Amino acid sequence: VADPIYRQGVVAAGSGAKAAIEAERFLQDKGEK
């Protein structure tokens, strides 16, 4: 991927997805206890 703007978008999307997964996992943990 040579285009830096495209690359930045992919990185941001990946970070957002990771954050969403972490948040969902955190909420599931709180719900179980």
PDB file of N, CA and C in Angstrom:
ATOM      1  N   VAL A   1       0.862  -1.191   0.000  1.00  0.00           N
ATOM      2  CA  VAL A   1       0.000   0.000   0.000  1.00  0.00           C
ATOM      3  C   VAL A   1       0.893   1.233   0.000  1.00  0.00           C
ATOM      4  N   ALA A   2       0.945   1.922  -1.121  1.00  0.00           N
ATOM      5  CA  ALA A   2       1.853   3.056  -1.249  1.00  0.00           C
ATOM      6  C   ALA A   2       1.193   4.366  -0.828  1.00  0.00           C
ATOM      7  N   ASP A   3      -0.141   4.457  -0.972  1.00  0.00           N
ATOM      8  CA  ASP A   3      -0.843   5.698  -0.667  1.00  0.00           C
ATOM      9  C   ASP A   3      -0.952   5.900   0.849  1.00  0.00           C
ATOM     10  N   PRO A   4      -0.293   6.920   1.392  1.00  0.00           N
ATOM     11  CA  PRO A   4      -0.288   7.105   2.854  1.00  0.00           C
ATOM     12  C   PRO A   4      -1.661   7.400   3.432  1.00  0.00           C
ATOM     13  N   ILE A   5      -2.520   8.085   2.667  1.00  0.00           N
ATOM     14  CA  ILE A   5      -3.867   8.391   3.159  1.00  0.00           C
ATOM     15  C   ILE A   5      -4.680   7.099   3.275  1.00  0.00           C
ATOM     16  N   TYR A   6      -4.571   6.241   2.269  1.00  0.00           N
ATOM     17  CA  TYR A   6      -5.278   4.964   2.298  1.00  0.00           C
ATOM     18  C   TYR A   6      -4.775   4.120   3.457  1.00  0.00           C
ATOM     19  N   ARG A   7      -3.449   4.101   3.618  1.00  0.00           N
ATOM     20  CA  ARG A   7      -2.840   3.327   4.702  1.00  0.00           C
ATOM     21  C   ARG A   7      -3.328   3.831   6.066  1.00  0.00           C
ATOM     22  N   GLN A   8      -3.399   5.148   6.214  1.00  0.00           N
ATOM     23  CA  GLN A   8      -3.857   5.724   7.482  1.00  0.00           C
ATOM     24  C   GLN A   8      -5.301   5.305   7.765  1.00  0.00           C
ATOM     25  N   GLY A   9      -6.122   5.268   6.717  1.00  0.00           N
ATOM     26  CA  GLY A   9      -7.512   4.853   6.879  1.00  0.00           C
ATOM     27  C   GLY A   9      -7.619   3.406   7.318  1.00  0.00           C
ATOM     28  N   VAL A  10      -6.792   2.545   6.727  1.00  0.00           N
ATOM     29  CA  VAL A  10      -6.811   1.128   7.085  1.00  0.00           C
ATOM     30  C   VAL A  10      -6.382   0.946   8.538  1.00  0.00           C
ATOM     31  N   VAL A  11      -5.336   1.661   8.934  1.00  0.00           N
ATOM     32  CA  VAL A  11      -4.849   1.563  10.315  1.00  0.00           C
ATOM     33  C   VAL A  11      -5.920   2.053  11.289  1.00  0.00           C
ATOM     34  N   ALA A  12      -6.581   3.160  10.948  1.00  0.00           N
ATOM     35  CA  ALA A  12      -7.617   3.705  11.821  1.00  0.00           C
ATOM     36  C   ALA A  12      -8.789   2.732  11.933  1.00  0.00           C
ATOM     37  N   ALA A  13      -9.169   2.118  10.822  1.00  0.00           N
ATOM     38  CA  ALA A  13     -10.270   1.159  10.838  1.00  0.00           C
ATOM     39  C   ALA A  13      -9.904  -0.052  11.688  1.00  0.00           C
ATOM     40  N   GLY A  14      -8.664  -0.512  11.548  1.00  0.00           N
ATOM     41  CA  GLY A  14      -8.208  -1.656  12.334  1.00  0.00           C
ATOM     42  C   GLY A  14      -8.209  -1.337  13.820  1.00  0.00           C
ATOM     43  N   SER A  15      -7.768  -0.135  14.171  1.00  0.00           N
ATOM     44  CA  SER A  15      -7.740   0.268  15.576  1.00  0.00           C
ATOM     45  C   SER A  15      -9.159   0.371  16.125  1.00  0.00           C
ATOM     46  N   GLY A  16     -10.069   0.902  15.319  1.00  0.00           N
ATOM     47  CA  GLY A  16     -11.463   1.027  15.744  1.00  0.00           C
ATOM     48  C   GLY A  16     -12.090  -0.332  15.990  1.00  0.00           C
ATOM     49  N   ALA A  17     -11.815  -1.284  15.093  1.00  0.00           N
ATOM     50  CA  ALA A  17     -12.360  -2.630  15.249  1.00  0.00           C
ATOM     51  C   ALA A  17     -11.805  -3.279  16.507  1.00  0.00           C
ATOM     52  N   LYS A  18     -10.510  -3.099  16.740  1.00  0.00           N
ATOM     53  CA  LYS A  18      -9.877  -3.686  17.928  1.00  0.00           C
ATOM     54  C   LYS A  18     -10.485  -3.086  19.197  1.00  0.00           C
ATOM     55  N   ALA A  19     -10.701  -1.776  19.188  1.00  0.00           N
ATOM     56  CA  ALA A  19     -11.280  -1.115  20.354  1.00  0.00           C
ATOM     57  C   ALA A  19     -12.703  -1.610  20.611  1.00  0.00           C
ATOM     58  N   ALA A  20     -13.464  -1.811  19.538  1.00  0.00           N
ATOM     59  CA  ALA A  20     -14.837  -2.287  19.678  1.00  0.00           C
ATOM     60  C   ALA A  20     -14.868  -3.688  20.272  1.00  0.00           C
ATOM     61  N   ILE A  21     -13.962  -4.547  19.817  1.00  0.00           N
ATOM     62  CA  ILE A  21     -13.894  -5.915  20.330  1.00  0.00           C
ATOM     63  C   ILE A  21     -13.504  -5.900  21.806  1.00  0.00           C
ATOM     64  N   GLU A  22     -12.520  -5.070  22.153  1.00  0.00           N
ATOM     65  CA  GLU A  22     -12.089  -4.972  23.548  1.00  0.00           C
ATOM     66  C   GLU A  22     -13.239  -4.484  24.433  1.00  0.00           C
ATOM     67  N   ALA A  23     -13.979  -3.479  23.958  1.00  0.00           N
ATOM     68  CA  ALA A  23     -15.090  -2.927  24.735  1.00  0.00           C
ATOM     69  C   ALA A  23     -16.179  -3.974  24.929  1.00  0.00           C
ATOM     70  N   GLU A  24     -16.493  -4.722  23.873  1.00  0.00           N
ATOM     71  CA  GLU A  24     -17.526  -5.756  23.962  1.00  0.00           C
ATOM     72  C   GLU A  24     -17.117  -6.824  24.966  1.00  0.00           C
ATOM     73  N   ARG A  25     -15.851  -7.223  24.914  1.00  0.00           N
ATOM     74  CA  ARG A  25     -15.337  -8.241  25.834  1.00  0.00           C
ATOM     75  C   ARG A  25     -15.407  -7.730  27.275  1.00  0.00           C
ATOM     76  N   PHE A  26     -15.068  -6.460  27.464  1.00  0.00           N
ATOM     77  CA  PHE A  26     -15.109  -5.848  28.798  1.00  0.00           C
ATOM     78  C   PHE A  26     -16.531  -5.850  29.349  1.00  0.00           C
ATOM     79  N   LEU A  27     -17.499  -5.477  28.507  1.00  0.00           N
ATOM     80  CA  LEU A  27     -18.892  -5.431  28.947  1.00  0.00           C
ATOM     81  C   LEU A  27     -19.415  -6.829  29.265  1.00  0.00           C
ATOM     82  N   GLN A  28     -19.011  -7.820  28.496  1.00  0.00           N
ATOM     83  CA  GLN A  28     -19.428  -9.196  28.768  1.00  0.00           C
ATOM     84  C   GLN A  28     -18.871  -9.650  30.114  1.00  0.00           C
ATOM     85  N   ASP A  29     -17.628  -9.289  30.399  1.00  0.00           N
ATOM     86  CA  ASP A  29     -17.009  -9.631  31.680  1.00  0.00           C
ATOM     87  C   ASP A  29     -17.798  -9.016  32.835  1.00  0.00           C
ATOM     88  N   LYS A  30     -18.162  -7.746  32.718  1.00  0.00           N
ATOM     89  CA  LYS A  30     -18.905  -7.073  33.789  1.00  0.00           C
ATOM     90  C   LYS A  30     -20.278  -7.700  33.960  1.00  0.00           C
ATOM     91  N   GLY A  31     -20.897  -8.112  32.863  1.00  0.00           N
ATOM     92  CA  GLY A  31     -22.240  -8.675  32.923  1.00  0.00           C
ATOM     93  C   GLY A  31     -22.283 -10.026  33.625  1.00  0.00           C
ATOM     94  N   GLU A  32     -21.214 -10.791  33.510  1.00  0.00           N
ATOM     95  CA  GLU A  32     -21.197 -12.130  34.086  1.00  0.00           C
ATOM     96  C   GLU A  32     -21.044 -12.100  35.603  1.00  0.00           C
ATOM     97  N   LYS A  33     -20.406 -11.052  36.128  1.00  0.00           N
ATOM     98  CA  LYS A  33     -20.113 -11.028  37.563  1.00  0.00           C
ATOM     99  C   LYS A  33     -21.195 -10.303  38.355  1.00  0.00           C
TER     100      LYS A  33
END
